[in-house]
Amino acid sequence: MTGVGKTNSGQYVGSEACAECHDKEYGNYKKFSKKAHSGESVKLMSGDLTKQELEECYHCHMTGFGKPGGFVSFEETPAMADAGCETCHGPGFDHVEAGGDPELIKGKLQLSDCEVCHNPERVAAFDFKPLLFGGAH
């Protein structure tokens, strides 16, 4: 993740915390974005994947996998079992705790932010076309 602001905790809180102040964006995300349900596709394929392959999927399809407050498992952290707001905007704990300080979150996204997951190798392997806004904004 690039440019997450001046935060240093790196702790994730989940998209529901974002909804408290960004209800329109959250509503659009839940209604239009395929990312809002990305965990379901991983869950469907999980029986055919090795642990290493599964964890590779988690890095892009789950929120904060392997990081403080992030996805652990479908059972332990179901609210993080999708590519939520923080997947693109960075960990939100400090932003939320500071009352929405815009310096503590990645606000404006660049195409390079998307390319962390939507890189040429994955695009070729899965034949998908990344969208800059994904329906959320």
C-alpha atoms as a PDB file:
ATOM      1  CA  MET A   1       0.000   0.000   0.000  1.00  0.00           C
ATOM      2  CA  THR A   2       1.375   3.361  -0.930  1.00  0.00           C
ATOM      3  CA  GLY A   3       0.770   6.750   0.599  1.00  0.00           C
ATOM      4  CA  VAL A   4      -1.312   5.906   3.640  1.00  0.00           C
ATOM      5  CA  GLY A   5      -0.715   9.371   5.098  1.00  0.00           C
ATOM      6  CA  LYS A   6       1.076  10.109   8.353  1.00  0.00           C
ATOM      7  CA  THR A   7      -0.494   7.233  10.285  1.00  0.00           C
ATOM      8  CA  ASN A   8       1.825   4.821  12.000  1.00  0.00           C
ATOM      9  CA  SER A   9      -0.401   2.244  13.710  1.00  0.00           C
ATOM     10  CA  GLY A  10      -1.275   0.438  10.473  1.00  0.00           C
ATOM     11  CA  GLN A  11      -4.405  -0.938  12.151  1.00  0.00           C
ATOM     12  CA  TYR A  12      -7.482  -1.841  10.136  1.00  0.00           C
ATOM     13  CA  VAL A  13     -11.053  -1.217  11.326  1.00  0.00           C
ATOM     14  CA  GLY A  14     -13.302  -2.507   8.524  1.00  0.00           C
ATOM     15  CA  SER A  15     -15.579  -0.800   6.038  1.00  0.00           C
ATOM     16  CA  GLU A  16     -18.468  -0.452   8.479  1.00  0.00           C
ATOM     17  CA  ALA A  17     -16.392   2.127  10.382  1.00  0.00           C
ATOM     18  CA  CYS A  18     -16.048   4.108   7.131  1.00  0.00           C
ATOM     19  CA  ALA A  19     -19.823   4.055   6.631  1.00  0.00           C
ATOM     20  CA  GLU A  20     -20.355   6.209   9.708  1.00  0.00           C
ATOM     21  CA  CYS A  21     -19.029   9.289   7.869  1.00  0.00           C
ATOM     22  CA  HIS A  22     -18.988   8.159   4.243  1.00  0.00           C
ATOM     23  CA  ASP A  23     -22.460   6.665   3.947  1.00  0.00           C
ATOM     24  CA  LYS A  24     -22.985   7.517   0.252  1.00  0.00           C
ATOM     25  CA  GLU A  25     -19.634   5.992  -0.791  1.00  0.00           C
ATOM     26  CA  TYR A  26     -20.216   2.961   1.415  1.00  0.00           C
ATOM     27  CA  GLY A  27     -23.697   2.473  -0.032  1.00  0.00           C
ATOM     28  CA  ASN A  28     -22.350   2.641  -3.594  1.00  0.00           C
ATOM     29  CA  TYR A  29     -19.550   0.248  -2.679  1.00  0.00           C
ATOM     30  CA  LYS A  30     -21.972  -2.323  -1.233  1.00  0.00           C
ATOM     31  CA  LYS A  31     -24.427  -1.949  -4.121  1.00  0.00           C
ATOM     32  CA  PHE A  32     -22.166  -1.699  -7.175  1.00  0.00           C
ATOM     33  CA  SER A  33     -18.659  -2.895  -6.392  1.00  0.00           C
ATOM     34  CA  LYS A  34     -17.668  -6.495  -7.024  1.00  0.00           C
ATOM     35  CA  LYS A  35     -15.004  -5.950  -4.354  1.00  0.00           C
ATOM     36  CA  ALA A  36     -17.767  -5.923  -1.738  1.00  0.00           C
ATOM     37  CA  HIS A  37     -18.234  -9.653  -2.351  1.00  0.00           C
ATOM     38  CA  SER A  38     -14.719 -10.710  -3.354  1.00  0.00           C
ATOM     39  CA  GLY A  39     -14.361 -13.070  -0.413  1.00  0.00           C
ATOM     40  CA  GLU A  40     -17.171 -15.237  -1.704  1.00  0.00           C
ATOM     41  CA  SER A  41     -15.238 -16.151  -4.854  1.00  0.00           C
ATOM     42  CA  VAL A  42     -12.201 -17.079  -2.769  1.00  0.00           C
ATOM     43  CA  LYS A  43     -14.356 -19.151  -0.443  1.00  0.00           C
ATOM     44  CA  LEU A  44     -15.804 -21.055  -3.420  1.00  0.00           C
ATOM     45  CA  MET A  45     -12.332 -21.859  -4.779  1.00  0.00           C
ATOM     46  CA  SER A  46     -10.630 -22.519  -1.435  1.00  0.00           C
ATOM     47  CA  GLY A  47     -11.047 -26.302  -1.539  1.00  0.00           C
ATOM     48  CA  ASP A  48      -8.975 -26.498  -4.717  1.00  0.00           C
ATOM     49  CA  LEU A  49      -6.112 -24.291  -3.490  1.00  0.00           C
ATOM     50  CA  THR A  50      -3.037 -24.899  -1.366  1.00  0.00           C
ATOM     51  CA  LYS A  51      -2.571 -22.816   1.776  1.00  0.00           C
ATOM     52  CA  GLN A  52       0.041 -20.713  -0.038  1.00  0.00           C
ATOM     53  CA  GLU A  53      -2.249 -20.122  -3.037  1.00  0.00           C
ATOM     54  CA  LEU A  54      -5.117 -19.226  -0.724  1.00  0.00           C
ATOM     55  CA  GLU A  55      -3.013 -16.701   1.161  1.00  0.00           C
ATOM     56  CA  GLU A  56      -1.992 -15.134  -2.147  1.00  0.00           C
ATOM     57  CA  CYS A  57      -5.703 -14.610  -2.886  1.00  0.00           C
ATOM     58  CA  TYR A  58      -6.249 -13.104   0.571  1.00  0.00           C
ATOM     59  CA  HIS A  59      -3.784 -10.283  -0.079  1.00  0.00           C
ATOM     60  CA  CYS A  60      -6.080  -8.697  -2.663  1.00  0.00           C
ATOM     61  CA  HIS A  61      -9.513 -10.169  -1.943  1.00  0.00           C
ATOM     62  CA  MET A  62      -9.597  -9.563   1.817  1.00  0.00           C
ATOM     63  CA  THR A  63      -9.044  -6.425   3.870  1.00  0.00           C
ATOM     64  CA  GLY A  64      -5.778  -6.167   5.790  1.00  0.00           C
ATOM     65  CA  PHE A  65      -4.726  -9.812   5.564  1.00  0.00           C
ATOM     66  CA  GLY A  66      -1.741 -10.415   7.849  1.00  0.00           C
ATOM     67  CA  LYS A  67      -1.917  -6.918   9.344  1.00  0.00           C
ATOM     68  CA  PRO A  68      -3.208  -5.563  12.692  1.00  0.00           C
ATOM     69  CA  GLY A  69      -7.000  -5.717  12.789  1.00  0.00           C
ATOM     70  CA  GLY A  70      -7.141  -7.278   9.322  1.00  0.00           C
ATOM     71  CA  PHE A  71      -8.556 -10.499   7.924  1.00  0.00           C
ATOM     72  CA  VAL A  72      -7.612 -13.676   9.785  1.00  0.00           C
ATOM     73  CA  SER A  73     -10.274 -16.145   8.661  1.00  0.00           C
ATOM     74  CA  PHE A  74     -13.890 -16.260   7.510  1.00  0.00           C
ATOM     75  CA  GLU A  75     -14.880 -17.420  11.005  1.00  0.00           C
ATOM     76  CA  GLU A  76     -12.796 -14.995  13.100  1.00  0.00           C
ATOM     77  CA  THR A  77     -13.058 -11.831  10.998  1.00  0.00           C
ATOM     78  CA  PRO A  78     -16.069 -12.076   8.664  1.00  0.00           C
ATOM     79  CA  ALA A  79     -16.335  -8.273   8.339  1.00  0.00           C
ATOM     80  CA  MET A  80     -12.880  -8.238   6.729  1.00  0.00           C
ATOM     81  CA  ALA A  81     -13.678 -11.042   4.254  1.00  0.00           C
ATOM     82  CA  ASP A  82     -13.868  -8.810   1.191  1.00  0.00           C
ATOM     83  CA  ALA A  83     -11.796  -6.116  -0.485  1.00  0.00           C
ATOM     84  CA  GLY A  84     -13.136  -3.260   1.613  1.00  0.00           C
ATOM     85  CA  CYS A  85     -12.461   0.463   1.712  1.00  0.00           C
ATOM     86  CA  GLU A  86      -9.111   0.032   3.439  1.00  0.00           C
ATOM     87  CA  THR A  87      -7.827  -2.302   0.720  1.00  0.00           C
ATOM     88  CA  CYS A  88      -7.427   0.786  -1.458  1.00  0.00           C
ATOM     89  CA  HIS A  89      -7.384   3.653   1.037  1.00  0.00           C
ATOM     90  CA  GLY A  90      -5.089   2.075   3.635  1.00  0.00           C
ATOM     91  CA  PRO A  91      -5.615   1.242   7.310  1.00  0.00           C
ATOM     92  CA  GLY A  92      -8.307   3.449   8.826  1.00  0.00           C
ATOM     93  CA  PHE A  93      -7.883   3.221  12.601  1.00  0.00           C
ATOM     94  CA  ASP A  94      -5.873   6.423  13.015  1.00  0.00           C
ATOM     95  CA  HIS A  95      -8.140   8.303  10.583  1.00  0.00           C
ATOM     96  CA  VAL A  96     -11.236   7.244  12.541  1.00  0.00           C
ATOM     97  CA  GLU A  97      -9.693   7.916  15.957  1.00  0.00           C
ATOM     98  CA  ALA A  98      -8.650  11.419  14.859  1.00  0.00           C
ATOM     99  CA  GLY A  99     -12.216  12.292  13.878  1.00  0.00           C
ATOM    100  CA  GLY A 100     -11.643  11.848  10.154  1.00  0.00           C
ATOM    101  CA  ASP A 101      -8.322  13.673   9.736  1.00  0.00           C
ATOM    102  CA  PRO A 102      -7.742  13.476   5.949  1.00  0.00           C
ATOM    103  CA  GLU A 103      -3.963  13.355   6.463  1.00  0.00           C
ATOM    104  CA  LEU A 104      -4.344   9.933   8.098  1.00  0.00           C
ATOM    105  CA  ILE A 105      -5.800   8.078   5.112  1.00  0.00           C
ATOM    106  CA  LYS A 106      -5.109   7.777   1.386  1.00  0.00           C
ATOM    107  CA  GLY A 107      -7.853   9.986  -0.049  1.00  0.00           C
ATOM    108  CA  LYS A 108      -7.105  10.481  -3.726  1.00  0.00           C
ATOM    109  CA  LEU A 109      -6.213   7.264  -5.471  1.00  0.00           C
ATOM    110  CA  GLN A 110      -3.964   6.900  -8.472  1.00  0.00           C
ATOM    111  CA  LEU A 111      -3.904   4.096 -11.000  1.00  0.00           C
ATOM    112  CA  SER A 112      -0.656   2.926  -9.384  1.00  0.00           C
ATOM    113  CA  ASP A 113      -2.638   2.189  -6.196  1.00  0.00           C
ATOM    114  CA  CYS A 114      -4.833  -0.201  -8.177  1.00  0.00           C
ATOM    115  CA  GLU A 115      -1.851  -1.908  -9.749  1.00  0.00           C
ATOM    116  CA  VAL A 116      -0.863  -3.431  -6.408  1.00  0.00           C
ATOM    117  CA  CYS A 117      -3.507  -6.075  -7.138  1.00  0.00           C
ATOM    118  CA  HIS A 118      -4.469  -5.307 -10.733  1.00  0.00           C
ATOM    119  CA  ASN A 119      -1.009  -5.920 -12.126  1.00  0.00           C
ATOM    120  CA  PRO A 120      -0.291  -7.268 -15.634  1.00  0.00           C
ATOM    121  CA  GLU A 121       0.402 -10.796 -14.369  1.00  0.00           C
ATOM    122  CA  ARG A 122      -2.962 -11.094 -12.620  1.00  0.00           C
ATOM    123  CA  VAL A 123      -4.866  -9.353 -15.393  1.00  0.00           C
ATOM    124  CA  ALA A 124      -3.494 -11.872 -17.908  1.00  0.00           C
ATOM    125  CA  ALA A 125      -4.061 -14.865 -15.612  1.00  0.00           C
ATOM    126  CA  PHE A 126      -7.663 -14.034 -14.736  1.00  0.00           C
ATOM    127  CA  ASP A 127      -8.685 -12.112 -17.860  1.00  0.00           C
ATOM    128  CA  PHE A 128     -10.266  -9.213 -16.004  1.00  0.00           C
ATOM    129  CA  LYS A 129     -10.197  -5.517 -16.659  1.00  0.00           C
ATOM    130  CA  PRO A 130      -9.541  -3.257 -13.661  1.00  0.00           C
ATOM    131  CA  LEU A 131     -11.755  -0.235 -13.207  1.00  0.00           C
ATOM    132  CA  LEU A 132     -10.342   2.783 -11.411  1.00  0.00           C
ATOM    133  CA  PHE A 133     -13.504   3.431  -9.431  1.00  0.00           C
ATOM    134  CA  GLY A 134     -15.017  -0.052  -9.172  1.00  0.00           C
ATOM    135  CA  GLY A 135     -18.466   1.409  -8.533  1.00  0.00           C
ATOM    136  CA  ALA A 136     -17.651   2.784  -5.098  1.00  0.00           C
ATOM    137  CA  HIS A 137     -17.113   6.483  -5.893  1.00  0.00           C
END
